[in-house]
Amino acid sequence: IPGPTGAITSFTTRVEREREKREGLLKSEEERKKMEDFNKAQSLLTKQTQQTIKEERERMKEQFMKEQEEK
């Protein structure tokens, strides 16, 4: 009887290995998507920050020019 039992065991093991491989690939894909989303959010935040700094710099420049004209 060891023949059939061995075949069933090896089949189950192969199926388990394939399942684990798929699960590993899914986890990797999820991690990749999370990192991609994080990078997009980080990039957007950086752009918004740069825009805010640029706008603040313009306001300060305008205020300075206005003060100079008043003098």
PDB file of N, CA and C in Angstrom:
ATOM      1  N   ILE A   1       0.815  -1.200   0.000  1.00  0.00           N
ATOM      2  CA  ILE A   1       0.000   0.000   0.000  1.00  0.00           C
ATOM      3  C   ILE A   1       0.867   1.277   0.000  1.00  0.00           C
ATOM      4  N   PRO A   2       2.153   1.251   0.271  1.00  0.00           N
ATOM      5  CA  PRO A   2       2.929   2.492   0.302  1.00  0.00           C
ATOM      6  C   PRO A   2       2.893   3.264  -1.023  1.00  0.00           C
ATOM      7  N   GLY A   3       2.715   2.591  -2.148  1.00  0.00           N
ATOM      8  CA  GLY A   3       2.706   3.273  -3.446  1.00  0.00           C
ATOM      9  C   GLY A   3       1.632   4.338  -3.545  1.00  0.00           C
ATOM     10  N   PRO A   4       0.357   3.971  -3.431  1.00  0.00           N
ATOM     11  CA  PRO A   4      -0.708   4.972  -3.564  1.00  0.00           C
ATOM     12  C   PRO A   4      -0.641   6.058  -2.491  1.00  0.00           C
ATOM     13  N   THR A   5      -0.320   5.647  -1.267  1.00  0.00           N
ATOM     14  CA  THR A   5      -0.233   6.634  -0.193  1.00  0.00           C
ATOM     15  C   THR A   5       0.848   7.653  -0.508  1.00  0.00           C
ATOM     16  N   GLY A   6       1.989   7.171  -0.997  1.00  0.00           N
ATOM     17  CA  GLY A   6       3.089   8.069  -1.365  1.00  0.00           C
ATOM     18  C   GLY A   6       2.676   9.016  -2.474  1.00  0.00           C
ATOM     19  N   ALA A   7       1.933   8.520  -3.454  1.00  0.00           N
ATOM     20  CA  ALA A   7       1.488   9.362  -4.567  1.00  0.00           C
ATOM     21  C   ALA A   7       0.527  10.436  -4.070  1.00  0.00           C
ATOM     22  N   ILE A   8      -0.380  10.068  -3.192  1.00  0.00           N
ATOM     23  CA  ILE A   8      -1.347  11.036  -2.657  1.00  0.00           C
ATOM     24  C   ILE A   8      -0.623  12.092  -1.824  1.00  0.00           C
ATOM     25  N   THR A   9       0.325  11.654  -1.013  1.00  0.00           N
ATOM     26  CA  THR A   9       1.085  12.585  -0.178  1.00  0.00           C
ATOM     27  C   THR A   9       1.858  13.569  -1.044  1.00  0.00           C
ATOM     28  N   SER A  10       2.516  13.068  -2.095  1.00  0.00           N
ATOM     29  CA  SER A  10       3.299  13.967  -2.945  1.00  0.00           C
ATOM     30  C   SER A  10       2.374  14.929  -3.686  1.00  0.00           C
ATOM     31  N   PHE A  11       1.195  14.453  -4.078  1.00  0.00           N
ATOM     32  CA  PHE A  11       0.233  15.331  -4.755  1.00  0.00           C
ATOM     33  C   PHE A  11      -0.223  16.438  -3.804  1.00  0.00           C
ATOM     34  N   THR A  12      -0.576  16.054  -2.585  1.00  0.00           N
ATOM     35  CA  THR A  12      -1.015  17.033  -1.597  1.00  0.00           C
ATOM     36  C   THR A  12       0.095  18.034  -1.328  1.00  0.00           C
ATOM     37  N   THR A  13       1.308  17.554  -1.219  1.00  0.00           N
ATOM     38  CA  THR A  13       2.438  18.432  -0.961  1.00  0.00           C
ATOM     39  C   THR A  13       2.614  19.411  -2.114  1.00  0.00           C
ATOM     40  N   ARG A  14       2.486  18.920  -3.350  1.00  0.00           N
ATOM     41  CA  ARG A  14       2.635  19.797  -4.512  1.00  0.00           C
ATOM     42  C   ARG A  14       1.533  20.860  -4.522  1.00  0.00           C
ATOM     43  N   VAL A  15       0.303  20.440  -4.214  1.00  0.00           N
ATOM     44  CA  VAL A  15      -0.819  21.382  -4.156  1.00  0.00           C
ATOM     45  C   VAL A  15      -0.569  22.422  -3.064  1.00  0.00           C
ATOM     46  N   GLU A  16      -0.102  21.957  -1.916  1.00  0.00           N
ATOM     47  CA  GLU A  16       0.191  22.889  -0.826  1.00  0.00           C
ATOM     48  C   GLU A  16       1.284  23.869  -1.224  1.00  0.00           C
ATOM     49  N   ARG A  17       2.328  23.349  -1.899  1.00  0.00           N
ATOM     50  CA  ARG A  17       3.418  24.227  -2.344  1.00  0.00           C
ATOM     51  C   ARG A  17       2.900  25.269  -3.328  1.00  0.00           C
ATOM     52  N   GLU A  18       2.046  24.843  -4.249  1.00  0.00           N
ATOM     53  CA  GLU A  18       1.479  25.783  -5.225  1.00  0.00           C
ATOM     54  C   GLU A  18       0.607  26.830  -4.528  1.00  0.00           C
ATOM     55  N   ARG A  19      -0.174  26.404  -3.543  1.00  0.00           N
ATOM     56  CA  ARG A  19      -1.021  27.327  -2.788  1.00  0.00           C
ATOM     57  C   ARG A  19      -0.151  28.343  -2.042  1.00  0.00           C
ATOM     58  N   GLU A  20       0.899  27.844  -1.386  1.00  0.00           N
ATOM     59  CA  GLU A  20       1.802  28.741  -0.661  1.00  0.00           C
ATOM     60  C   GLU A  20       2.476  29.723  -1.615  1.00  0.00           C
ATOM     61  N   LYS A  21       2.830  29.224  -2.792  1.00  0.00           N
ATOM     62  CA  LYS A  21       3.461  30.093  -3.787  1.00  0.00           C
ATOM     63  C   LYS A  21       2.487  31.190  -4.221  1.00  0.00           C
ATOM     64  N   ARG A  22       1.227  30.816  -4.485  1.00  0.00           N
ATOM     65  CA  ARG A  22       0.208  31.804  -4.867  1.00  0.00           C
ATOM     66  C   ARG A  22      -0.010  32.820  -3.751  1.00  0.00           C
ATOM     67  N   GLU A  23      -0.085  32.333  -2.514  1.00  0.00           N
ATOM     68  CA  GLU A  23      -0.272  33.232  -1.374  1.00  0.00           C
ATOM     69  C   GLU A  23       0.901  34.193  -1.258  1.00  0.00           C
ATOM     70  N   GLY A  24       2.107  33.674  -1.464  1.00  0.00           N
ATOM     71  CA  GLY A  24       3.296  34.527  -1.430  1.00  0.00           C
ATOM     72  C   GLY A  24       3.256  35.584  -2.516  1.00  0.00           C
ATOM     73  N   LEU A  25       2.826  35.188  -3.709  1.00  0.00           N
ATOM     74  CA  LEU A  25       2.726  36.146  -4.816  1.00  0.00           C
ATOM     75  C   LEU A  25       1.667  37.204  -4.528  1.00  0.00           C
ATOM     76  N   LEU A  26       0.544  36.779  -3.950  1.00  0.00           N
ATOM     77  CA  LEU A  26      -0.510  37.738  -3.596  1.00  0.00           C
ATOM     78  C   LEU A  26      -0.021  38.733  -2.542  1.00  0.00           C
ATOM     79  N   LYS A  27       0.701  38.223  -1.533  1.00  0.00           N
ATOM     80  CA  LYS A  27       1.243  39.107  -0.502  1.00  0.00           C
ATOM     81  C   LYS A  27       2.216  40.102  -1.117  1.00  0.00           C
ATOM     82  N   SER A  28       3.072  39.610  -2.002  1.00  0.00           N
ATOM     83  CA  SER A  28       4.038  40.491  -2.660  1.00  0.00           C
ATOM     84  C   SER A  28       3.326  41.564  -3.467  1.00  0.00           C
ATOM     85  N   GLU A  29       2.274  41.172  -4.167  1.00  0.00           N
ATOM     86  CA  GLU A  29       1.511  42.124  -4.983  1.00  0.00           C
ATOM     87  C   GLU A  29       0.830  43.166  -4.093  1.00  0.00           C
ATOM     88  N   GLU A  30       0.270  42.728  -2.963  1.00  0.00           N
ATOM     89  CA  GLU A  30      -0.373  43.665  -2.036  1.00  0.00           C
ATOM     90  C   GLU A  30       0.644  44.652  -1.476  1.00  0.00           C
ATOM     91  N   GLU A  31       1.824  44.146  -1.093  1.00  0.00           N
ATOM     92  CA  GLU A  31       2.870  45.020  -0.562  1.00  0.00           C
ATOM     93  C   GLU A  31       3.314  46.020  -1.625  1.00  0.00           C
ATOM     94  N   ARG A  32       3.429  45.555  -2.869  1.00  0.00           N
ATOM     95  CA  ARG A  32       3.847  46.435  -3.962  1.00  0.00           C
ATOM     96  C   ARG A  32       2.813  47.549  -4.155  1.00  0.00           C
ATOM     97  N   LYS A  33       1.524  47.176  -4.116  1.00  0.00           N
ATOM     98  CA  LYS A  33       0.458  48.171  -4.283  1.00  0.00           C
ATOM     99  C   LYS A  33       0.465  49.175  -3.130  1.00  0.00           C
ATOM    100  N   LYS A  34       0.664  48.686  -1.902  1.00  0.00           N
ATOM    101  CA  LYS A  34       0.707  49.586  -0.752  1.00  0.00           C
ATOM    102  C   LYS A  34       1.863  50.572  -0.882  1.00  0.00           C
ATOM    103  N   MET A  35       3.029  50.075  -1.301  1.00  0.00           N
ATOM    104  CA  MET A  35       4.181  50.953  -1.479  1.00  0.00           C
ATOM    105  C   MET A  35       3.920  51.956  -2.599  1.00  0.00           C
ATOM    106  N   GLU A  36       3.274  51.503  -3.660  1.00  0.00           N
ATOM    107  CA  GLU A  36       2.946  52.397  -4.779  1.00  0.00           C
ATOM    108  C   GLU A  36       1.997  53.500  -4.301  1.00  0.00           C
ATOM    109  N   ASP A  37       0.976  53.121  -3.537  1.00  0.00           N
ATOM    110  CA  ASP A  37       0.035  54.103  -2.993  1.00  0.00           C
ATOM    111  C   ASP A  37       0.749  55.079  -2.056  1.00  0.00           C
ATOM    112  N   PHE A  38       1.639  54.545  -1.218  1.00  0.00           N
ATOM    113  CA  PHE A  38       2.398  55.395  -0.297  1.00  0.00           C
ATOM    114  C   PHE A  38       3.248  56.386  -1.075  1.00  0.00           C
ATOM    115  N   ASN A  39       3.926  55.896  -2.107  1.00  0.00           N
ATOM    116  CA  ASN A  39       4.785  56.769  -2.904  1.00  0.00           C
ATOM    117  C   ASN A  39       3.977  57.850  -3.612  1.00  0.00           C
ATOM    118  N   LYS A  40       2.786  57.487  -4.106  1.00  0.00           N
ATOM    119  CA  LYS A  40       1.923  58.482  -4.753  1.00  0.00           C
ATOM    120  C   LYS A  40       1.496  59.545  -3.744  1.00  0.00           C
ATOM    121  N   ALA A  41       1.097  59.106  -2.557  1.00  0.00           N
ATOM    122  CA  ALA A  41       0.667  60.045  -1.521  1.00  0.00           C
ATOM    123  C   ALA A  41       1.825  60.953  -1.112  1.00  0.00           C
ATOM    124  N   GLN A  42       3.012  60.372  -0.974  1.00  0.00           N
ATOM    125  CA  GLN A  42       4.197  61.142  -0.596  1.00  0.00           C
ATOM    126  C   GLN A  42       4.519  62.175  -1.669  1.00  0.00           C
ATOM    127  N   SER A  43       4.423  61.768  -2.926  1.00  0.00           N
ATOM    128  CA  SER A  43       4.692  62.670  -4.042  1.00  0.00           C
ATOM    129  C   SER A  43       3.685  63.818  -4.058  1.00  0.00           C
ATOM    130  N   LEU A  44       2.417  63.496  -3.860  1.00  0.00           N
ATOM    131  CA  LEU A  44       1.374  64.522  -3.833  1.00  0.00           C
ATOM    132  C   LEU A  44       1.609  65.501  -2.689  1.00  0.00           C
ATOM    133  N   LEU A  45       1.961  64.973  -1.521  1.00  0.00           N
ATOM    134  CA  LEU A  45       2.232  65.825  -0.370  1.00  0.00           C
ATOM    135  C   LEU A  45       3.405  66.756  -0.658  1.00  0.00           C
ATOM    136  N   THR A  46       4.443  66.230  -1.281  1.00  0.00           N
ATOM    137  CA  THR A  46       5.613  67.038  -1.628  1.00  0.00           C
ATOM    138  C   THR A  46       5.221  68.155  -2.588  1.00  0.00           C
ATOM    139  N   LYS A  47       4.426  67.822  -3.600  1.00  0.00           N
ATOM    140  CA  LYS A  47       3.982  68.837  -4.566  1.00  0.00           C
ATOM    141  C   LYS A  47       3.152  69.915  -3.880  1.00  0.00           C
ATOM    142  N   GLN A  48       2.242  69.491  -2.993  1.00  0.00           N
ATOM    143  CA  GLN A  48       1.402  70.457  -2.286  1.00  0.00           C
ATOM    144  C   GLN A  48       2.253  71.360  -1.403  1.00  0.00           C
ATOM    145  N   THR A  49       3.239  70.778  -0.736  1.00  0.00           N
ATOM    146  CA  THR A  49       4.120  71.549   0.134  1.00  0.00           C
ATOM    147  C   THR A  49       4.911  72.559  -0.681  1.00  0.00           C
ATOM    148  N   GLN A  50       5.452  72.118  -1.805  1.00  0.00           N
ATOM    149  CA  GLN A  50       6.214  73.021  -2.664  1.00  0.00           C
ATOM    150  C   GLN A  50       5.335  74.153  -3.175  1.00  0.00           C
ATOM    151  N   GLN A  51       4.098  73.839  -3.540  1.00  0.00           N
ATOM    152  CA  GLN A  51       3.164  74.856  -4.022  1.00  0.00           C
ATOM    153  C   GLN A  51       2.854  75.859  -2.916  1.00  0.00           C
ATOM    154  N   THR A  52       2.643  75.359  -1.703  1.00  0.00           N
ATOM    155  CA  THR A  52       2.353  76.237  -0.570  1.00  0.00           C
ATOM    156  C   THR A  52       3.530  77.167  -0.308  1.00  0.00           C
ATOM    157  N   ILE A  53       4.741  76.627  -0.339  1.00  0.00           N
ATOM    158  CA  ILE A  53       5.943  77.437  -0.122  1.00  0.00           C
ATOM    159  C   ILE A  53       6.066  78.497  -1.211  1.00  0.00           C
ATOM    160  N   LYS A  54       5.809  78.103  -2.439  1.00  0.00           N
ATOM    161  CA  LYS A  54       5.885  79.041  -3.562  1.00  0.00           C
ATOM    162  C   LYS A  54       4.878  80.178  -3.380  1.00  0.00           C
ATOM    163  N   GLU A  55       3.647  79.828  -3.007  1.00  0.00           N
ATOM    164  CA  GLU A  55       2.615  80.844  -2.797  1.00  0.00           C
ATOM    165  C   GLU A  55       2.984  81.772  -1.644  1.00  0.00           C
ATOM    166  N   GLU A  56       3.501  81.213  -0.565  1.00  0.00           N
ATOM    167  CA  GLU A  56       3.907  82.022   0.585  1.00  0.00           C
ATOM    168  C   GLU A  56       5.044  82.965   0.198  1.00  0.00           C
ATOM    169  N   ARG A  57       5.981  82.478  -0.572  1.00  0.00           N
ATOM    170  CA  ARG A  57       7.102  83.294  -1.038  1.00  0.00           C
ATOM    171  C   ARG A  57       6.591  84.469  -1.882  1.00  0.00           C
ATOM    172  N   GLU A  58       5.615  84.199  -2.749  1.00  0.00           N
ATOM    173  CA  GLU A  58       5.030  85.257  -3.582  1.00  0.00           C
ATOM    174  C   GLU A  58       4.327  86.303  -2.714  1.00  0.00           C
ATOM    175  N   ARG A  59       3.577  85.849  -1.709  1.00  0.00           N
ATOM    176  CA  ARG A  59       2.888  86.785  -0.812  1.00  0.00           C
ATOM    177  C   ARG A  59       3.893  87.668  -0.069  1.00  0.00           C
ATOM    178  N   MET A  60       4.968  87.050   0.406  1.00  0.00           N
ATOM    179  CA  MET A  60       5.990  87.813   1.120  1.00  0.00           C
ATOM    180  C   MET A  60       6.648  88.834   0.195  1.00  0.00           C
ATOM    181  N   LYS A  61       6.904  88.427  -1.033  1.00  0.00           N
ATOM    182  CA  LYS A  61       7.519  89.324  -2.013  1.00  0.00           C
ATOM    183  C   LYS A  61       6.599  90.510  -2.289  1.00  0.00           C
ATOM    184  N   GLU A  62       5.308  90.222  -2.505  1.00  0.00           N
ATOM    185  CA  GLU A  62       4.339  91.286  -2.759  1.00  0.00           C
ATOM    186  C   GLU A  62       4.241  92.231  -1.561  1.00  0.00           C
ATOM    187  N   GLN A  63       4.237  91.679  -0.363  1.00  0.00           N
ATOM    188  CA  GLN A  63       4.166  92.489   0.849  1.00  0.00           C
ATOM    189  C   GLN A  63       5.401  93.378   0.960  1.00  0.00           C
ATOM    190  N   PHE A  64       6.556  92.829   0.685  1.00  0.00           N
ATOM    191  CA  PHE A  64       7.802  93.588   0.744  1.00  0.00           C
ATOM    192  C   PHE A  64       7.777  94.731  -0.270  1.00  0.00           C
ATOM    193  N   MET A  65       7.351  94.422  -1.500  1.00  0.00           N
ATOM    194  CA  MET A  65       7.298  95.445  -2.548  1.00  0.00           C
ATOM    195  C   MET A  65       6.305  96.551  -2.163  1.00  0.00           C
ATOM    196  N   LYS A  66       5.192  96.161  -1.582  1.00  0.00           N
ATOM    197  CA  LYS A  66       4.178  97.124  -1.154  1.00  0.00           C
ATOM    198  C   LYS A  66       4.748  98.038  -0.068  1.00  0.00           C
ATOM    199  N   GLU A  67       5.475  97.464   0.885  1.00  0.00           N
ATOM    200  CA  GLU A  67       6.097  98.248   1.955  1.00  0.00           C
ATOM    201  C   GLU A  67       7.145  99.196   1.392  1.00  0.00           C
ATOM    202  N   GLN A  68       7.896  98.753   0.396  1.00  0.00           N
ATOM    203  CA  GLN A  68       8.927  99.594  -0.214  1.00  0.00           C
ATOM    204  C   GLN A  68       8.302 100.783  -0.943  1.00  0.00           C
ATOM    205  N   GLU A  69       7.163 100.554  -1.588  1.00  0.00           N
ATOM    206  CA  GLU A  69       6.481 101.634  -2.303  1.00  0.00           C
ATOM    207  C   GLU A  69       5.950 102.683  -1.329  1.00  0.00           C
ATOM    208  N   GLU A  70       5.528 102.239  -0.156  1.00  0.00           N
ATOM    209  CA  GLU A  70       4.977 103.154   0.836  1.00  0.00           C
ATOM    210  C   GLU A  70       6.045 104.050   1.439  1.00  0.00           C
ATOM    211  N   LYS A  71       7.286 103.608   1.434  1.00  0.00           N
ATOM    212  CA  LYS A  71       8.369 104.390   2.050  1.00  0.00           C
ATOM    213  C   LYS A  71       8.808 105.510   1.208  1.00  0.00           C
TER     214      LYS A  71
END
